[in-house]
Each structure stands twice: as structure tokens, then as C-alpha cells.
N, C-alpha and C. Protein backbone atom coordinates (compact mmCIF):
# COMPACT_ATOMS: atom_id res chain seq x y z
N UNK A 1 0.80 -1.19 0.00
CA UNK A 1 0.00 0.00 0.00
C UNK A 1 0.86 1.27 0.00
N UNK A 2 1.91 1.19 0.68
CA UNK A 2 2.79 2.34 0.72
C UNK A 2 3.33 2.58 -0.68
N UNK A 3 3.58 1.50 -1.36
CA UNK A 3 4.10 1.66 -2.71
C UNK A 3 3.04 2.24 -3.63
N UNK A 4 1.78 1.89 -3.43
CA UNK A 4 0.71 2.47 -4.27
C UNK A 4 0.62 3.97 -4.04
N UNK A 5 0.78 4.41 -2.84
CA UNK A 5 0.76 5.83 -2.54
C UNK A 5 1.95 6.54 -3.18
N UNK A 6 3.06 5.84 -3.14
CA UNK A 6 4.25 6.44 -3.75
C UNK A 6 4.10 6.50 -5.25
N UNK A 7 3.51 5.41 -5.83
CA UNK A 7 3.29 5.42 -7.28
C UNK A 7 2.26 6.48 -7.66
N UNK A 8 1.24 6.64 -6.84
CA UNK A 8 0.23 7.67 -7.11
C UNK A 8 0.84 9.05 -7.06
N UNK A 9 1.67 9.25 -6.03
CA UNK A 9 2.35 10.55 -5.92
C UNK A 9 3.31 10.73 -7.09
N UNK A 10 4.00 9.68 -7.47
CA UNK A 10 4.93 9.75 -8.59
C UNK A 10 4.19 10.05 -9.89
N UNK A 11 3.03 9.40 -10.10
CA UNK A 11 2.22 9.69 -11.29
C UNK A 11 1.74 11.13 -11.26
N UNK A 12 1.34 11.62 -10.12
CA UNK A 12 0.89 13.00 -9.99
C UNK A 12 2.04 13.97 -10.32
N UNK A 13 3.23 13.65 -9.81
CA UNK A 13 4.38 14.51 -10.08
C UNK A 13 4.74 14.48 -11.57
N UNK A 14 4.66 13.30 -12.18
CA UNK A 14 4.96 13.18 -13.59
C UNK A 14 3.94 13.97 -14.41
N UNK A 15 2.68 13.93 -14.03
CA UNK A 15 1.65 14.69 -14.74
C UNK A 15 1.93 16.20 -14.62
N UNK A 16 2.34 16.61 -13.43
CA UNK A 16 2.69 18.03 -13.26
C UNK A 16 3.90 18.38 -14.13
N UNK A 17 4.88 17.48 -14.18
CA UNK A 17 6.05 17.72 -15.02
C UNK A 17 5.66 17.77 -16.49
N UNK A 18 4.73 16.87 -16.89
CA UNK A 18 4.28 16.88 -18.28
C UNK A 18 3.53 18.17 -18.59
N UNK A 19 2.71 18.63 -17.67
CA UNK A 19 1.98 19.89 -17.87
C UNK A 19 2.97 21.05 -17.96
N UNK A 20 3.96 21.03 -17.07
CA UNK A 20 4.98 22.08 -17.10
C UNK A 20 5.77 22.04 -18.41
N UNK A 21 6.12 20.83 -18.87
CA UNK A 21 6.84 20.71 -20.14
C UNK A 21 6.00 21.20 -21.31
N UNK A 22 4.70 20.90 -21.31
CA UNK A 22 3.80 21.38 -22.35
C UNK A 22 3.75 22.91 -22.33
N UNK A 23 3.70 23.45 -21.14
CA UNK A 23 3.69 24.92 -21.00
C UNK A 23 5.01 25.52 -21.50
N UNK A 24 6.13 24.87 -21.15
CA UNK A 24 7.44 25.35 -21.58
C UNK A 24 7.55 25.25 -23.10
N UNK A 25 7.03 24.14 -23.67
CA UNK A 25 7.06 24.00 -25.13
C UNK A 25 6.26 25.11 -25.79
N UNK A 26 5.11 25.45 -25.24
CA UNK A 26 4.30 26.55 -25.79
C UNK A 26 5.03 27.88 -25.71
N UNK A 27 5.70 28.10 -24.57
CA UNK A 27 6.45 29.35 -24.42
C UNK A 27 7.63 29.40 -25.37
N UNK A 28 8.31 28.26 -25.56
CA UNK A 28 9.43 28.21 -26.49
C UNK A 28 8.95 28.49 -27.90
N UNK A 29 7.79 27.92 -28.27
CA UNK A 29 7.22 28.18 -29.60
C UNK A 29 6.89 29.65 -29.78
N UNK A 30 6.28 30.26 -28.75
CA UNK A 30 5.94 31.68 -28.88
C UNK A 30 7.21 32.53 -28.93
N UNK A 31 8.24 32.15 -28.15
CA UNK A 31 9.51 32.87 -28.22
C UNK A 31 10.16 32.70 -29.59
N UNK A 32 10.09 31.50 -30.14
CA UNK A 32 10.66 31.26 -31.47
C UNK A 32 9.92 32.09 -32.52
N UNK A 33 8.58 32.16 -32.40
CA UNK A 33 7.80 32.99 -33.33
C UNK A 33 8.18 34.47 -33.19
N UNK A 34 8.32 34.92 -31.95
CA UNK A 34 8.70 36.31 -31.73
C UNK A 34 10.10 36.57 -32.29
N UNK A 35 11.01 35.62 -32.08
CA UNK A 35 12.35 35.77 -32.62
C UNK A 35 12.33 35.82 -34.14
N UNK A 36 11.53 34.95 -34.77
CA UNK A 36 11.42 34.96 -36.23
C UNK A 36 10.87 36.29 -36.72
N UNK A 37 9.88 36.84 -36.01
CA UNK A 37 9.34 38.15 -36.39
C UNK A 37 10.41 39.23 -36.26
N UNK A 38 11.13 39.21 -35.15
CA UNK A 38 12.18 40.21 -34.95
C UNK A 38 13.28 40.07 -35.99
N UNK A 39 13.64 38.83 -36.31
CA UNK A 39 14.66 38.62 -37.32
C UNK A 39 14.20 39.14 -38.67
N UNK A 40 12.93 38.90 -39.02
CA UNK A 40 12.38 39.42 -40.27
C UNK A 40 12.38 40.94 -40.30
N UNK A 41 11.99 41.54 -39.17
CA UNK A 41 12.00 43.00 -39.10
C UNK A 41 13.42 43.54 -39.18
N UNK A 42 14.36 42.86 -38.53
CA UNK A 42 15.75 43.29 -38.60
C UNK A 42 16.28 43.19 -40.02
N UNK A 43 15.96 42.11 -40.71
CA UNK A 43 16.43 41.95 -42.09
C UNK A 43 15.83 43.03 -42.99
N UNK A 44 14.54 43.33 -42.81
CA UNK A 44 13.94 44.40 -43.63
C UNK A 44 14.54 45.75 -43.26
N UNK A 45 14.80 45.97 -41.97
CA UNK A 45 15.44 47.22 -41.55
C UNK A 45 16.82 47.33 -42.16
N UNK A 46 17.58 46.23 -42.14
CA UNK A 46 18.92 46.23 -42.72
C UNK A 46 18.86 46.52 -44.22
N UNK A 47 17.87 45.96 -44.89
CA UNK A 47 17.71 46.22 -46.32
C UNK A 47 17.38 47.69 -46.56
N UNK A 48 16.48 48.25 -45.74
CA UNK A 48 16.14 49.67 -45.89
C UNK A 48 17.34 50.56 -45.62
N UNK A 49 18.13 50.21 -44.59
CA UNK A 49 19.32 51.01 -44.28
C UNK A 49 20.31 50.95 -45.44
N UNK A 50 20.48 49.76 -46.03
CA UNK A 50 21.38 49.63 -47.16
C UNK A 50 20.89 50.46 -48.34
N UNK A 51 19.57 50.47 -48.57
CA UNK A 51 19.03 51.29 -49.65
C UNK A 51 19.27 52.77 -49.37
N UNK A 52 19.06 53.17 -48.12
CA UNK A 52 19.27 54.58 -47.77
C UNK A 52 20.74 54.97 -47.94
N UNK A 53 21.64 54.08 -47.52
CA UNK A 53 23.05 54.37 -47.72
C UNK A 53 23.38 54.46 -49.20
N UNK A 54 22.74 53.61 -50.01
CA UNK A 54 22.94 53.69 -51.45
C UNK A 54 22.46 55.02 -52.00
N UNK A 55 21.30 55.47 -51.51
CA UNK A 55 20.77 56.76 -51.95
C UNK A 55 21.68 57.90 -51.51
N UNK A 56 22.15 57.82 -50.27
CA UNK A 56 23.06 58.87 -49.77
C UNK A 56 24.36 58.88 -50.57
N UNK A 57 24.88 57.68 -50.86
CA UNK A 57 26.11 57.61 -51.66
C UNK A 57 25.89 58.18 -53.05
N UNK A 58 24.71 57.92 -53.62
CA UNK A 58 24.41 58.46 -54.94
C UNK A 58 24.33 59.99 -54.87
N UNK A 59 23.71 60.50 -53.80
CA UNK A 59 23.62 61.96 -53.63
C UNK A 59 25.01 62.57 -53.46
N UNK A 60 25.87 61.91 -52.68
CA UNK A 60 27.23 62.41 -52.54
C UNK A 60 27.96 62.40 -53.88
N UNK A 61 27.70 61.37 -54.68
CA UNK A 61 28.30 61.32 -56.02
C UNK A 61 27.83 62.48 -56.87
N UNK A 62 26.53 62.79 -56.78
CA UNK A 62 25.98 63.91 -57.53
C UNK A 62 26.59 65.23 -57.05
N UNK A 63 26.70 65.37 -55.73
CA UNK A 63 27.28 66.60 -55.17
C UNK A 63 28.74 66.72 -55.60
N UNK A 64 29.47 65.61 -55.57
CA UNK A 64 30.88 65.64 -55.99
C UNK A 64 30.99 66.01 -57.46
N UNK A 65 30.07 65.50 -58.27
CA UNK A 65 30.08 65.84 -59.69
C UNK A 65 29.79 67.33 -59.88
N UNK A 66 28.84 67.86 -59.08
CA UNK A 66 28.53 69.29 -59.16
C UNK A 66 29.75 70.13 -58.74
N UNK A 67 30.42 69.70 -57.66
CA UNK A 67 31.63 70.42 -57.26
C UNK A 67 32.68 70.36 -58.35
N UNK A 68 32.77 69.23 -59.03
CA UNK A 68 33.71 69.11 -60.13
C UNK A 68 33.39 70.07 -61.25
N UNK A 69 32.09 70.19 -61.58
CA UNK A 69 31.72 71.12 -62.65
C UNK A 69 31.93 72.57 -62.20
N UNK A 70 31.68 72.86 -60.92
CA UNK A 70 31.93 74.22 -60.40
C UNK A 70 33.42 74.52 -60.46
N UNK A 71 34.24 73.55 -60.07
CA UNK A 71 35.69 73.74 -60.15
C UNK A 71 36.13 73.95 -61.59
N UNK A 72 35.52 73.22 -62.50
CA UNK A 72 35.83 73.38 -63.91
C UNK A 72 35.45 74.79 -64.38
N UNK A 73 34.28 75.25 -63.94
CA UNK A 73 33.85 76.61 -64.29
C UNK A 73 34.82 77.65 -63.73
N UNK A 74 35.26 77.46 -62.48
CA UNK A 74 36.24 78.37 -61.91
C UNK A 74 37.53 78.34 -62.71
N UNK A 75 37.90 77.15 -63.17
CA UNK A 75 39.09 77.04 -64.00
C UNK A 75 38.95 77.80 -65.29
N UNK A 76 37.76 77.71 -65.93
CA UNK A 76 37.57 78.44 -67.18
C UNK A 76 37.50 79.95 -66.91
N UNK A 77 36.93 80.35 -65.78
CA UNK A 77 36.91 81.78 -65.42
C UNK A 77 38.33 82.27 -65.19
N UNK A 78 39.12 81.45 -64.50
CA UNK A 78 40.52 81.83 -64.26
C UNK A 78 41.27 81.97 -65.58
N UNK A 79 41.03 81.05 -66.52
CA UNK A 79 41.68 81.12 -67.83
C UNK A 79 41.23 82.38 -68.57
N UNK A 80 39.93 82.71 -68.45
CA UNK A 80 39.43 83.93 -69.10
C UNK A 80 40.07 85.17 -68.50
N UNK A 81 40.22 85.17 -67.18
CA UNK A 81 40.85 86.32 -66.53
C UNK A 81 42.31 86.44 -66.96
N UNK A 82 43.01 85.32 -67.04
CA UNK A 82 44.40 85.36 -67.51
C UNK A 82 44.48 85.85 -68.96
N UNK A 83 43.54 85.41 -69.78
CA UNK A 83 43.51 85.87 -71.17
C UNK A 83 43.24 87.37 -71.22
N UNK A 84 42.34 87.85 -70.37
CA UNK A 84 42.04 89.28 -70.32
C UNK A 84 43.27 90.06 -69.85
N UNK A 85 43.98 89.55 -68.86
CA UNK A 85 45.20 90.22 -68.41
C UNK A 85 46.23 90.30 -69.53
N UNK A 86 46.37 89.22 -70.27
CA UNK A 86 47.31 89.22 -71.40
C UNK A 86 46.89 90.26 -72.43
N UNK A 87 45.60 90.31 -72.73
CA UNK A 87 45.11 91.30 -73.70
C UNK A 87 45.35 92.72 -73.20
N UNK A 88 45.15 92.95 -71.91
CA UNK A 88 45.37 94.29 -71.35
C UNK A 88 46.85 94.65 -71.43
N UNK A 89 47.72 93.70 -71.12
CA UNK A 89 49.16 93.96 -71.21
C UNK A 89 49.56 94.28 -72.65
N UNK A 90 49.02 93.54 -73.61
CA UNK A 90 49.31 93.83 -75.01
C UNK A 90 48.80 95.21 -75.41
N UNK A 91 47.60 95.56 -74.94
CA UNK A 91 47.03 96.87 -75.27
C UNK A 91 47.88 97.98 -74.65
N UNK A 92 48.34 97.76 -73.41
CA UNK A 92 49.20 98.77 -72.79
C UNK A 92 50.49 98.93 -73.58
N UNK A 93 51.08 97.83 -73.97
CA UNK A 93 52.31 97.90 -74.76
C UNK A 93 52.07 98.63 -76.07
N UNK A 94 50.93 98.30 -76.73
CA UNK A 94 50.60 98.97 -77.98
C UNK A 94 50.43 100.47 -77.77
N UNK A 95 49.75 100.86 -76.68
CA UNK A 95 49.53 102.27 -76.39
C UNK A 95 50.85 102.99 -76.11
N UNK A 96 51.75 102.35 -75.36
CA UNK A 96 53.04 102.97 -75.04
C UNK A 96 53.84 103.16 -76.33
N UNK A 97 53.89 102.12 -77.17
CA UNK A 97 54.66 102.22 -78.42
C UNK A 97 54.03 103.26 -79.34
N UNK A 98 52.71 103.20 -79.48
CA UNK A 98 52.03 104.17 -80.37
C UNK A 98 52.16 105.58 -79.81
N UNK A 99 52.00 105.75 -78.50
CA UNK A 99 52.12 107.08 -77.89
C UNK A 99 53.53 107.62 -78.05
N UNK A 100 54.51 106.76 -77.83
CA UNK A 100 55.91 107.18 -77.99
C UNK A 100 56.18 107.57 -79.44
N UNK A 101 55.65 106.79 -80.37
CA UNK A 101 55.82 107.10 -81.79
C UNK A 101 55.18 108.42 -82.14
N UNK A 102 54.00 108.70 -81.60
CA UNK A 102 53.32 109.98 -81.89
C UNK A 102 54.11 111.15 -81.31
N UNK A 103 54.60 110.96 -80.08
CA UNK A 103 55.38 112.05 -79.46
C UNK A 103 56.64 112.31 -80.28
N UNK A 104 57.32 111.26 -80.67
CA UNK A 104 58.53 111.44 -81.49
C UNK A 104 58.18 112.07 -82.83
N UNK A 105 57.04 111.69 -83.43
CA UNK A 105 56.63 112.29 -84.70
C UNK A 105 56.33 113.77 -84.54
N UNK A 106 55.64 114.13 -83.46
CA UNK A 106 55.33 115.55 -83.22
C UNK A 106 56.62 116.32 -82.99
N UNK A 107 57.56 115.79 -82.24
CA UNK A 107 58.83 116.47 -82.04
C UNK A 107 59.60 116.61 -83.35
N UNK A 108 59.58 115.53 -84.13
CA UNK A 108 60.25 115.60 -85.43
C UNK A 108 59.63 116.66 -86.32
N UNK A 109 58.28 116.71 -86.33
CA UNK A 109 57.60 117.71 -87.14
C UNK A 109 57.89 119.11 -86.61
N UNK A 110 57.93 119.26 -85.28
CA UNK A 110 58.22 120.57 -84.69
C UNK A 110 59.64 120.99 -85.02
N UNK A 111 60.58 120.07 -84.96
CA UNK A 111 61.98 120.40 -85.31
C UNK A 111 62.09 120.75 -86.79
N UNK A 112 61.41 119.97 -87.64
CA UNK A 112 61.44 120.26 -89.07
C UNK A 112 60.82 121.61 -89.34
N UNK A 113 59.73 121.91 -88.70
CA UNK A 113 59.06 123.19 -88.90
C UNK A 113 59.94 124.33 -88.36
N UNK A 114 60.62 124.07 -87.22
CA UNK A 114 61.49 125.09 -86.65
C UNK A 114 62.67 125.36 -87.59
N UNK A 115 63.23 124.34 -88.21
CA UNK A 115 64.32 124.54 -89.17
C UNK A 115 63.83 125.27 -90.41
N UNK A 116 62.67 124.87 -90.82
CA UNK A 116 62.13 125.45 -92.04
C UNK A 116 61.79 126.93 -91.85
N UNK A 117 61.32 127.25 -90.68
CA UNK A 117 60.92 128.63 -90.42
C UNK A 117 62.06 129.45 -89.81
N UNK A 118 63.23 128.93 -89.66
CA UNK A 118 64.36 129.59 -89.07
C UNK A 118 64.82 130.69 -90.05
N UNK A 119 65.06 131.87 -89.57
CA UNK A 119 65.44 132.95 -90.48
C UNK A 119 66.83 132.93 -90.95
């Protein structure tokens, strides 16, 4: 009889253990489902972040290209300014030579006129 009581208690304990294991299995399944959901959300988030980084990289490429064209424009403006400086220097040289020639011509004409009109 003592053994029947022990077996009854043992069966009761085993039933409690089985109920607890069933409960643990349900909790593990729900945790696994939650983990799968989180993993799916993480993967989609990672994909979105990669797309955003791609978009940002493309924008930086566009900005770099714009800076390149602006630098090119500054280069052409600098070349134009240098060309203008060269033209101004040539014009100054032309004016100095032409002005000097005119002054010498006027002096020559004045000297010739002075000789011609000399009594």
C-alpha cells in the first residue's frame, strides 16, 4: 500500500512535469515565433538602411560631380581672366609704343618746322 501511494504521488508529479513541459514547449514556440518576427523586421530594416546608404552615396556622387563642374567653371573663369590680363598687357604695350611714336613724330615735325621757319 505504501508503494501504491508512492506510485500515485509519482504519477501525480509526472503529470505536473508533463503539464509544465507542455507549457514550456508553448512558451518556447511563442519565443521562437517572436524571434522569427524580430529577425524578419531586422532583415527588412537592414535592407532599408542599405538602400538609404545607397541613396546617400548616390547623392554624394551627384554633389561631388557638381563640385567638379563648379571647379571646372572656376578654372575656365581663371583662364578667361588670364587671357584678359594678357590682352590688357598687349594693349598697354601697344599704347606705349604708339604714344611714344606719336610724341617722337610731333617732335620731329616741330623740329622740321622750326628749321624750315628759321630765319
